[in-house]
Amino acid sequence: MLAALMAGCTNGAGTETTAEPAATDAPAAQPLTLIAHRSAWRVYPESSAEAMQALANTGYPIEFDLRPLADGTLVPSHDPLADRSLEGVTGPLEELSLEQWELAKVRSQDGETLGSTTTWPEILDEYTTGNVLFPELKRPVPDLEDFTASVISRQIQGSVIVQTYDYAAAVQLAASGLQALLLLLQEMPEPAEIKAQGIDYVGASRDLPTDYIRALKDTGLTVYIYTINSTERLLPYLELGIDGVYTDDPWKLERLIIEEGLFDE
């Protein structure tokens, strides 16, 4: 169950099957963590306030990328440029003011819906009760001391798992008392060394060799695979004993898991 994800956090997976899932649907028990990649960007405007509101209390961990604005405020955005996902602003995020960010709107995948922007401080204040956040610190990695302080000052370390592709940054985050997740695309550092550095979580690309993913699990690391949107993609990894997956639509993937009885005894 998702309740095993973090001590002190009760999590489950939602069971809504409509295109616009309700945020209040009761969770269903599944022995797999379904992480809402880019805050379920195939369902709601990408990493928008509306997406996070919909995910709140579903039990799906909320995943999003963080980048700094001109004044250093961290905001959720996968891209370094505003052009693809935002309406009302263009250009590098690092050149935008906080006021410009707040006035911008977030486009949905179908182009029919606009969402509201939000910020890392707002996310921390609104969505750490009953939720687990999976922020990814995009390169160049922001000031880690300031980021760590934003979590520890609120005493919410149990509700935040910080992701990064930067090995040194992951080590520093773990040493600072945060739960660190090392993202792996092509690199294959020694699993025992990852664990020895205090890093307990790994987000592994589905393109990595299965023998390496198995070695990560055998070392005692918690392993999530990205990105999985179908049971066909999921099945080979279940045999490896993975702990969860990143998915663009967790409601849909869970519905498929239930319909196909993947965890039926």
C-alpha atoms as a PDB file:
ATOM      1  CA  MET A   1       0.000   0.000   0.000  1.00  0.00           C
ATOM      2  CA  LEU A   2       1.002   3.595  -0.411  1.00  0.00           C
ATOM      3  CA  ALA A   3       0.749   3.920   3.349  1.00  0.00           C
ATOM      4  CA  ALA A   4       4.148   2.273   3.462  1.00  0.00           C
ATOM      5  CA  LEU A   5       5.713   5.101   1.464  1.00  0.00           C
ATOM      6  CA  MET A   6       6.514   7.305   4.418  1.00  0.00           C
ATOM      7  CA  ALA A   7       6.253   6.840   8.151  1.00  0.00           C
ATOM      8  CA  GLY A   8       3.577   9.120   9.484  1.00  0.00           C
ATOM      9  CA  CYS A   9       1.853   9.593   6.121  1.00  0.00           C
ATOM     10  CA  THR A  10      -1.295   7.719   5.169  1.00  0.00           C
ATOM     11  CA  ASN A  11      -1.491   7.337   1.409  1.00  0.00           C
ATOM     12  CA  GLY A  12      -3.550   5.344  -1.043  1.00  0.00           C
ATOM     13  CA  ALA A  13      -4.405   5.410  -4.710  1.00  0.00           C
ATOM     14  CA  GLY A  14      -7.543   7.073  -6.032  1.00  0.00           C
ATOM     15  CA  THR A  15     -10.102   5.081  -7.971  1.00  0.00           C
ATOM     16  CA  GLU A  16     -11.841   7.717 -10.100  1.00  0.00           C
ATOM     17  CA  THR A  17     -12.231   6.659 -13.727  1.00  0.00           C
ATOM     18  CA  THR A  18     -13.603   9.787 -15.398  1.00  0.00           C
ATOM     19  CA  ALA A  19     -11.522  12.180 -17.477  1.00  0.00           C
ATOM     20  CA  GLU A  20     -11.705  14.805 -14.739  1.00  0.00           C
ATOM     21  CA  PRO A  21     -11.182  12.886 -11.473  1.00  0.00           C
ATOM     22  CA  ALA A  22     -12.609  14.291  -8.286  1.00  0.00           C
ATOM     23  CA  ALA A  23     -10.152  15.216  -5.567  1.00  0.00           C
ATOM     24  CA  THR A  24     -12.279  13.640  -2.853  1.00  0.00           C
ATOM     25  CA  ASP A  25     -12.441  10.084  -4.178  1.00  0.00           C
ATOM     26  CA  ALA A  26     -11.650   7.476  -1.537  1.00  0.00           C
ATOM     27  CA  PRO A  27      -8.284   5.769  -1.990  1.00  0.00           C
ATOM     28  CA  ALA A  28      -8.009   2.100  -2.859  1.00  0.00           C
ATOM     29  CA  ALA A  29      -5.263  -0.135  -1.527  1.00  0.00           C
ATOM     30  CA  GLN A  30      -2.582  -1.026  -4.091  1.00  0.00           C
ATOM     31  CA  PRO A  31       0.887  -2.458  -3.346  1.00  0.00           C
ATOM     32  CA  LEU A  32       2.416   0.050  -5.735  1.00  0.00           C
ATOM     33  CA  THR A  33       3.082   3.765  -5.432  1.00  0.00           C
ATOM     34  CA  LEU A  34       1.643   5.746  -8.359  1.00  0.00           C
ATOM     35  CA  ILE A  35       3.446   9.086  -8.540  1.00  0.00           C
ATOM     36  CA  ALA A  36       1.593  11.848 -10.392  1.00  0.00           C
ATOM     37  CA  HIS A  37       4.238  12.887 -12.921  1.00  0.00           C
ATOM     38  CA  ARG A  38       4.258  16.657 -13.520  1.00  0.00           C
ATOM     39  CA  SER A  39       1.206  16.739 -11.240  1.00  0.00           C
ATOM     40  CA  ALA A  40      -0.832  14.500 -13.585  1.00  0.00           C
ATOM     41  CA  TRP A  41      -0.200  16.691 -16.604  1.00  0.00           C
ATOM     42  CA  ARG A  42      -2.257  14.528 -18.955  1.00  0.00           C
ATOM     43  CA  VAL A  43      -5.347  15.359 -16.899  1.00  0.00           C
ATOM     44  CA  TYR A  44      -4.792  18.893 -15.561  1.00  0.00           C
ATOM     45  CA  PRO A  45      -2.716  21.891 -16.652  1.00  0.00           C
ATOM     46  CA  GLU A  46       0.885  20.911 -15.948  1.00  0.00           C
ATOM     47  CA  SER A  47       1.972  21.485 -12.331  1.00  0.00           C
ATOM     48  CA  SER A  48      -0.777  24.064 -11.875  1.00  0.00           C
ATOM     49  CA  ALA A  49      -2.502  25.011  -8.645  1.00  0.00           C
ATOM     50  CA  GLU A  50      -5.616  23.221  -9.932  1.00  0.00           C
ATOM     51  CA  ALA A  51      -3.667  20.014 -10.555  1.00  0.00           C
ATOM     52  CA  MET A  52      -2.278  20.004  -7.039  1.00  0.00           C
ATOM     53  CA  GLN A  53      -5.680  20.771  -5.547  1.00  0.00           C
ATOM     54  CA  ALA A  54      -7.129  17.808  -7.435  1.00  0.00           C
ATOM     55  CA  LEU A  55      -4.346  15.502  -6.263  1.00  0.00           C
ATOM     56  CA  ALA A  56      -4.469  16.618  -2.644  1.00  0.00           C
ATOM     57  CA  ASN A  57      -5.605  13.804  -0.352  1.00  0.00           C
ATOM     58  CA  THR A  58      -5.882  11.241  -3.161  1.00  0.00           C
ATOM     59  CA  GLY A  59      -2.788   9.498  -1.851  1.00  0.00           C
ATOM     60  CA  TYR A  60      -0.924   9.957  -5.117  1.00  0.00           C
ATOM     61  CA  PRO A  61       2.443  11.613  -4.439  1.00  0.00           C
ATOM     62  CA  ILE A  62       2.615  14.941  -6.289  1.00  0.00           C
ATOM     63  CA  GLU A  63       5.627  15.255  -8.589  1.00  0.00           C
ATOM     64  CA  PHE A  64       6.828  18.479 -10.205  1.00  0.00           C
ATOM     65  CA  ASP A  65       9.993  20.264 -11.306  1.00  0.00           C
ATOM     66  CA  LEU A  66      11.341  23.401  -9.643  1.00  0.00           C
ATOM     67  CA  ARG A  67      13.139  26.306 -11.304  1.00  0.00           C
ATOM     68  CA  PRO A  68      13.984  29.815 -10.038  1.00  0.00           C
ATOM     69  CA  LEU A  69      12.465  33.080 -11.222  1.00  0.00           C
ATOM     70  CA  ALA A  70      14.530  36.267 -11.490  1.00  0.00           C
ATOM     71  CA  ASP A  71      14.227  36.945  -7.748  1.00  0.00           C
ATOM     72  CA  GLY A  72      15.125  33.352  -6.818  1.00  0.00           C
ATOM     73  CA  THR A  73      11.572  32.224  -6.002  1.00  0.00           C
ATOM     74  CA  LEU A  74      11.229  28.558  -6.941  1.00  0.00           C
ATOM     75  CA  VAL A  75       8.270  27.679  -9.145  1.00  0.00           C
ATOM     76  CA  PRO A  76       7.019  24.420 -10.676  1.00  0.00           C
ATOM     77  CA  SER A  77       8.015  24.185 -14.337  1.00  0.00           C
ATOM     78  CA  HIS A  78       9.505  21.384 -16.385  1.00  0.00           C
ATOM     79  CA  ASP A  79      10.897  23.704 -19.047  1.00  0.00           C
ATOM     80  CA  PRO A  80      13.450  26.505 -18.611  1.00  0.00           C
ATOM     81  CA  LEU A  81      11.353  28.554 -21.052  1.00  0.00           C
ATOM     82  CA  ALA A  82       7.787  29.692 -20.465  1.00  0.00           C
ATOM     83  CA  ASP A  83       6.678  29.334 -24.083  1.00  0.00           C
ATOM     84  CA  ARG A  84       5.354  25.743 -24.192  1.00  0.00           C
ATOM     85  CA  SER A  85       3.357  25.516 -20.993  1.00  0.00           C
ATOM     86  CA  LEU A  86       2.432  29.096 -20.111  1.00  0.00           C
ATOM     87  CA  GLU A  87       0.156  31.712 -21.596  1.00  0.00           C
ATOM     88  CA  GLY A  88       0.788  35.410 -21.029  1.00  0.00           C
ATOM     89  CA  VAL A  89       4.574  35.216 -20.730  1.00  0.00           C
ATOM     90  CA  THR A  90       7.480  34.044 -22.873  1.00  0.00           C
ATOM     91  CA  GLY A  91      11.203  33.541 -22.531  1.00  0.00           C
ATOM     92  CA  PRO A  92      13.446  32.146 -19.786  1.00  0.00           C
ATOM     93  CA  LEU A  93      11.840  31.668 -16.385  1.00  0.00           C
ATOM     94  CA  GLU A  94      14.968  33.049 -14.748  1.00  0.00           C
ATOM     95  CA  GLU A  95      14.165  36.410 -16.345  1.00  0.00           C
ATOM     96  CA  LEU A  96      10.532  36.552 -15.197  1.00  0.00           C
ATOM     97  CA  SER A  97       9.416  38.512 -12.149  1.00  0.00           C
ATOM     98  CA  LEU A  98       7.185  36.955  -9.518  1.00  0.00           C
ATOM     99  CA  GLU A  99       4.397  39.307 -10.613  1.00  0.00           C
ATOM    100  CA  GLN A 100       4.682  38.122 -14.220  1.00  0.00           C
ATOM    101  CA  TRP A 101       4.587  34.504 -13.053  1.00  0.00           C
ATOM    102  CA  GLU A 102       1.513  35.048 -10.923  1.00  0.00           C
ATOM    103  CA  LEU A 103      -0.357  36.695 -13.812  1.00  0.00           C
ATOM    104  CA  ALA A 104       0.483  33.911 -16.273  1.00  0.00           C
ATOM    105  CA  LYS A 105      -1.766  30.920 -16.957  1.00  0.00           C
ATOM    106  CA  VAL A 106      -0.836  27.272 -17.430  1.00  0.00           C
ATOM    107  CA  ARG A 107      -1.996  25.502 -20.584  1.00  0.00           C
ATOM    108  CA  SER A 108      -3.547  22.047 -20.516  1.00  0.00           C
ATOM    109  CA  GLN A 109      -2.480  19.316 -22.935  1.00  0.00           C
ATOM    110  CA  ASP A 110      -5.662  19.664 -24.977  1.00  0.00           C
ATOM    111  CA  GLY A 111      -5.353  23.446 -25.059  1.00  0.00           C
ATOM    112  CA  GLU A 112      -8.894  23.861 -23.773  1.00  0.00           C
ATOM    113  CA  THR A 113      -8.191  24.627 -20.112  1.00  0.00           C
ATOM    114  CA  LEU A 114      -6.062  27.226 -18.379  1.00  0.00           C
ATOM    115  CA  GLY A 115      -4.730  26.708 -14.883  1.00  0.00           C
ATOM    116  CA  SER A 116      -3.210  29.001 -12.270  1.00  0.00           C
ATOM    117  CA  THR A 117       0.475  29.224 -11.477  1.00  0.00           C
ATOM    118  CA  THR A 118       1.774  28.539  -7.992  1.00  0.00           C
ATOM    119  CA  THR A 119       5.109  28.712  -6.148  1.00  0.00           C
ATOM    120  CA  TRP A 120       7.199  26.413  -3.963  1.00  0.00           C
ATOM    121  CA  PRO A 121       6.358  28.338  -0.756  1.00  0.00           C
ATOM    122  CA  GLU A 122       2.639  28.128  -1.602  1.00  0.00           C
ATOM    123  CA  ILE A 123       2.920  24.403  -2.302  1.00  0.00           C
ATOM    124  CA  LEU A 124       4.650  23.850   1.039  1.00  0.00           C
ATOM    125  CA  ASP A 125       1.958  25.782   2.873  1.00  0.00           C
ATOM    126  CA  GLU A 126      -0.973  24.121   1.096  1.00  0.00           C
ATOM    127  CA  TYR A 127      -0.120  20.519   0.248  1.00  0.00           C
ATOM    128  CA  THR A 128       2.125  18.904   2.842  1.00  0.00           C
ATOM    129  CA  THR A 129      -0.670  17.708   5.119  1.00  0.00           C
ATOM    130  CA  GLY A 130      -1.759  14.254   4.014  1.00  0.00           C
ATOM    131  CA  ASN A 131       0.383  14.373   0.863  1.00  0.00           C
ATOM    132  CA  VAL A 132       3.900  13.449  -0.143  1.00  0.00           C
ATOM    133  CA  LEU A 133       5.639  15.912  -2.458  1.00  0.00           C
ATOM    134  CA  PHE A 134       8.257  14.862  -5.020  1.00  0.00           C
ATOM    135  CA  PRO A 135       9.929  18.119  -6.138  1.00  0.00           C
ATOM    136  CA  GLU A 136      12.737  17.783  -8.661  1.00  0.00           C
ATOM    137  CA  LEU A 137      15.501  20.369  -8.503  1.00  0.00           C
ATOM    138  CA  LYS A 138      16.325  21.086 -12.122  1.00  0.00           C
ATOM    139  CA  ARG A 139      19.839  21.983 -13.219  1.00  0.00           C
ATOM    140  CA  PRO A 140      21.475  24.288 -12.466  1.00  0.00           C
ATOM    141  CA  VAL A 141      20.569  23.173  -8.954  1.00  0.00           C
ATOM    142  CA  PRO A 142      19.364  26.083  -6.783  1.00  0.00           C
ATOM    143  CA  ASP A 143      20.920  27.002  -3.443  1.00  0.00           C
ATOM    144  CA  LEU A 144      20.604  23.776  -1.455  1.00  0.00           C
ATOM    145  CA  GLU A 145      20.909  25.427   1.950  1.00  0.00           C
ATOM    146  CA  ASP A 146      17.954  27.700   1.235  1.00  0.00           C
ATOM    147  CA  PHE A 147      15.940  24.825  -0.196  1.00  0.00           C
ATOM    148  CA  THR A 148      16.681  22.592   2.784  1.00  0.00           C
ATOM    149  CA  ALA A 149      15.725  25.380   5.178  1.00  0.00           C
ATOM    150  CA  SER A 150      12.363  25.796   3.421  1.00  0.00           C
ATOM    151  CA  VAL A 151      11.503  22.212   4.364  1.00  0.00           C
ATOM    152  CA  ILE A 152      13.157  21.835   7.760  1.00  0.00           C
ATOM    153  CA  SER A 153      11.834  25.166   9.066  1.00  0.00           C
ATOM    154  CA  ARG A 154       8.312  23.796   8.564  1.00  0.00           C
ATOM    155  CA  GLN A 155       9.264  20.415  10.080  1.00  0.00           C
ATOM    156  CA  ILE A 156       7.816  18.537   7.111  1.00  0.00           C
ATOM    157  CA  GLN A 157      10.768  16.351   6.168  1.00  0.00           C
ATOM    158  CA  GLY A 158       8.474  13.313   6.236  1.00  0.00           C
ATOM    159  CA  SER A 159       6.275  14.807   3.525  1.00  0.00           C
ATOM    160  CA  VAL A 160       8.968  15.740   1.001  1.00  0.00           C
ATOM    161  CA  ILE A 161      11.194  13.497  -1.124  1.00  0.00           C
ATOM    162  CA  VAL A 162      13.620  15.677  -3.074  1.00  0.00           C
ATOM    163  CA  GLN A 163      14.657  14.522  -6.545  1.00  0.00           C
ATOM    164  CA  THR A 164      17.723  15.400  -8.570  1.00  0.00           C
ATOM    165  CA  TYR A 165      19.881  13.996 -11.369  1.00  0.00           C
ATOM    166  CA  ASP A 166      22.881  15.626  -9.693  1.00  0.00           C
ATOM    167  CA  TYR A 167      24.650  12.966  -7.607  1.00  0.00           C
ATOM    168  CA  ALA A 168      26.592  15.455  -5.475  1.00  0.00           C
ATOM    169  CA  ALA A 169      23.417  17.416  -4.772  1.00  0.00           C
ATOM    170  CA  ALA A 170      21.579  14.239  -3.756  1.00  0.00           C
ATOM    171  CA  VAL A 171      24.380  13.398  -1.331  1.00  0.00           C
ATOM    172  CA  GLN A 172      24.257  16.907   0.155  1.00  0.00           C
ATOM    173  CA  LEU A 173      20.469  16.810   0.494  1.00  0.00           C
ATOM    174  CA  ALA A 174      20.623  13.468   2.284  1.00  0.00           C
ATOM    175  CA  ALA A 175      23.369  14.724   4.602  1.00  0.00           C
ATOM    176  CA  SER A 176      21.239  17.757   5.463  1.00  0.00           C
ATOM    177  CA  GLY A 177      18.441  15.577   6.794  1.00  0.00           C
ATOM    178  CA  LEU A 178      16.142  15.531   3.783  1.00  0.00           C
ATOM    179  CA  GLN A 179      14.875  12.446   2.012  1.00  0.00           C
ATOM    180  CA  ALA A 180      16.809  12.372  -1.246  1.00  0.00           C
ATOM    181  CA  LEU A 181      15.930  10.598  -4.480  1.00  0.00           C
ATOM    182  CA  LEU A 182      18.597  10.152  -7.141  1.00  0.00           C
ATOM    183  CA  LEU A 183      17.242  10.215 -10.692  1.00  0.00           C
ATOM    184  CA  LEU A 184      19.029   7.952 -13.152  1.00  0.00           C
ATOM    185  CA  LEU A 185      18.698   8.282 -16.921  1.00  0.00           C
ATOM    186  CA  GLN A 186      21.788   6.554 -18.330  1.00  0.00           C
ATOM    187  CA  GLU A 187      24.222   6.680 -15.429  1.00  0.00           C
ATOM    188  CA  MET A 188      24.554   3.522 -13.350  1.00  0.00           C
ATOM    189  CA  PRO A 189      26.422   4.317 -10.116  1.00  0.00           C
ATOM    190  CA  GLU A 190      27.148   1.416  -7.814  1.00  0.00           C
ATOM    191  CA  PRO A 191      23.925   0.680  -5.859  1.00  0.00           C
ATOM    192  CA  ALA A 192      25.791   0.029  -2.613  1.00  0.00           C
ATOM    193  CA  GLU A 193      27.545   3.399  -2.915  1.00  0.00           C
ATOM    194  CA  ILE A 194      24.212   5.181  -3.417  1.00  0.00           C
ATOM    195  CA  LYS A 195      22.877   3.549  -0.269  1.00  0.00           C
ATOM    196  CA  ALA A 196      26.070   4.304   1.675  1.00  0.00           C
ATOM    197  CA  GLN A 197      25.645   8.012   0.912  1.00  0.00           C
ATOM    198  CA  GLY A 198      22.332   8.055   2.786  1.00  0.00           C
ATOM    199  CA  ILE A 199      20.214   8.153  -0.363  1.00  0.00           C
ATOM    200  CA  ASP A 200      17.250   5.823   0.087  1.00  0.00           C
ATOM    201  CA  TYR A 201      15.275   6.453  -3.100  1.00  0.00           C
ATOM    202  CA  VAL A 202      16.026   6.064  -6.792  1.00  0.00           C
ATOM    203  CA  GLY A 203      13.984   7.129  -9.811  1.00  0.00           C
ATOM    204  CA  ALA A 204      15.175   4.935 -12.662  1.00  0.00           C
ATOM    205  CA  SER A 205      14.527   5.324 -16.381  1.00  0.00           C
ATOM    206  CA  ARG A 206      12.726   2.384 -17.925  1.00  0.00           C
ATOM    207  CA  ASP A 207      15.598   2.267 -20.437  1.00  0.00           C
ATOM    208  CA  LEU A 208      18.099   1.118 -17.818  1.00  0.00           C
ATOM    209  CA  PRO A 209      19.054  -2.590 -17.882  1.00  0.00           C
ATOM    210  CA  THR A 210      16.794  -4.830 -15.826  1.00  0.00           C
ATOM    211  CA  ASP A 211      19.814  -6.385 -14.108  1.00  0.00           C
ATOM    212  CA  TYR A 212      20.806  -2.963 -12.799  1.00  0.00           C
ATOM    213  CA  ILE A 213      17.280  -2.201 -11.591  1.00  0.00           C
ATOM    214  CA  ARG A 214      17.270  -5.551  -9.812  1.00  0.00           C
ATOM    215  CA  ALA A 215      20.601  -4.696  -8.197  1.00  0.00           C
ATOM    216  CA  LEU A 216      19.170  -1.404  -6.932  1.00  0.00           C
ATOM    217  CA  LYS A 217      16.336  -3.305  -5.266  1.00  0.00           C
ATOM    218  CA  ASP A 218      18.650  -5.974  -3.874  1.00  0.00           C
ATOM    219  CA  THR A 219      20.695  -3.237  -2.196  1.00  0.00           C
ATOM    220  CA  GLY A 220      17.634  -2.110  -0.250  1.00  0.00           C
ATOM    221  CA  LEU A 221      16.869   1.037  -2.199  1.00  0.00           C
ATOM    222  CA  THR A 222      13.294   2.128  -2.875  1.00  0.00           C
ATOM    223  CA  VAL A 223      12.985   2.113  -6.661  1.00  0.00           C
ATOM    224  CA  TYR A 224      10.484   3.993  -8.827  1.00  0.00           C
ATOM    225  CA  ILE A 225      10.415   3.692 -12.633  1.00  0.00           C
ATOM    226  CA  TYR A 226       9.637   6.533 -15.041  1.00  0.00           C
ATOM    227  CA  THR A 227       7.451   6.994 -17.013  1.00  0.00           C
ATOM    228  CA  ILE A 228       4.775   4.259 -17.097  1.00  0.00           C
ATOM    229  CA  ASN A 229       1.312   4.887 -18.558  1.00  0.00           C
ATOM    230  CA  SER A 230       0.113   1.375 -19.399  1.00  0.00           C
ATOM    231  CA  THR A 231      -0.015  -2.047 -17.783  1.00  0.00           C
ATOM    232  CA  GLU A 232       1.913  -3.410 -20.757  1.00  0.00           C
ATOM    233  CA  ARG A 233       4.817  -1.162 -19.786  1.00  0.00           C
ATOM    234  CA  LEU A 234       4.322  -1.904 -16.096  1.00  0.00           C
ATOM    235  CA  LEU A 235       4.294  -5.709 -16.074  1.00  0.00           C
ATOM    236  CA  PRO A 236       8.021  -6.377 -16.671  1.00  0.00           C
ATOM    237  CA  TYR A 237       8.943  -4.130 -13.746  1.00  0.00           C
ATOM    238  CA  LEU A 238       6.530  -5.740 -11.329  1.00  0.00           C
ATOM    239  CA  GLU A 239       8.571  -8.906 -11.715  1.00  0.00           C
ATOM    240  CA  LEU A 240      11.600  -6.945 -10.493  1.00  0.00           C
ATOM    241  CA  GLY A 241       9.799  -5.940  -7.304  1.00  0.00           C
ATOM    242  CA  ILE A 242       9.828  -2.206  -7.923  1.00  0.00           C
ATOM    243  CA  ASP A 243       8.117   0.047  -5.402  1.00  0.00           C
ATOM    244  CA  GLY A 244       6.255   2.363  -7.743  1.00  0.00           C
ATOM    245  CA  VAL A 245       6.112   4.267 -11.002  1.00  0.00           C
ATOM    246  CA  TYR A 246       5.813   7.806 -12.288  1.00  0.00           C
ATOM    247  CA  THR A 247       2.702   8.128 -14.424  1.00  0.00           C
ATOM    248  CA  ASP A 248       1.070  11.011 -16.295  1.00  0.00           C
ATOM    249  CA  ASP A 249      -2.450   9.923 -15.287  1.00  0.00           C
ATOM    250  CA  PRO A 250      -2.479   7.942 -12.023  1.00  0.00           C
ATOM    251  CA  TRP A 251      -6.264   7.556 -12.045  1.00  0.00           C
ATOM    252  CA  LYS A 252      -6.175   5.856 -15.437  1.00  0.00           C
ATOM    253  CA  LEU A 253      -3.248   3.594 -14.602  1.00  0.00           C
ATOM    254  CA  GLU A 254      -4.821   2.493 -11.350  1.00  0.00           C
ATOM    255  CA  ARG A 255      -8.097   1.754 -13.103  1.00  0.00           C
ATOM    256  CA  LEU A 256      -6.242  -0.439 -15.592  1.00  0.00           C
ATOM    257  CA  ILE A 257      -4.393  -2.211 -12.775  1.00  0.00           C
ATOM    258  CA  ILE A 258      -7.675  -2.977 -11.026  1.00  0.00           C
ATOM    259  CA  GLU A 259      -9.509  -4.014 -14.199  1.00  0.00           C
ATOM    260  CA  GLU A 260      -6.731  -6.412 -15.152  1.00  0.00           C
ATOM    261  CA  GLY A 261      -6.418  -7.762 -11.612  1.00  0.00           C
ATOM    262  CA  LEU A 262      -2.663  -7.347 -11.465  1.00  0.00           C
ATOM    263  CA  PHE A 263      -2.610  -7.565  -7.681  1.00  0.00           C
ATOM    264  CA  ASP A 264      -5.457 -10.009  -7.162  1.00  0.00           C
ATOM    265  CA  GLU A 265      -4.480 -12.840  -4.859  1.00  0.00           C
END
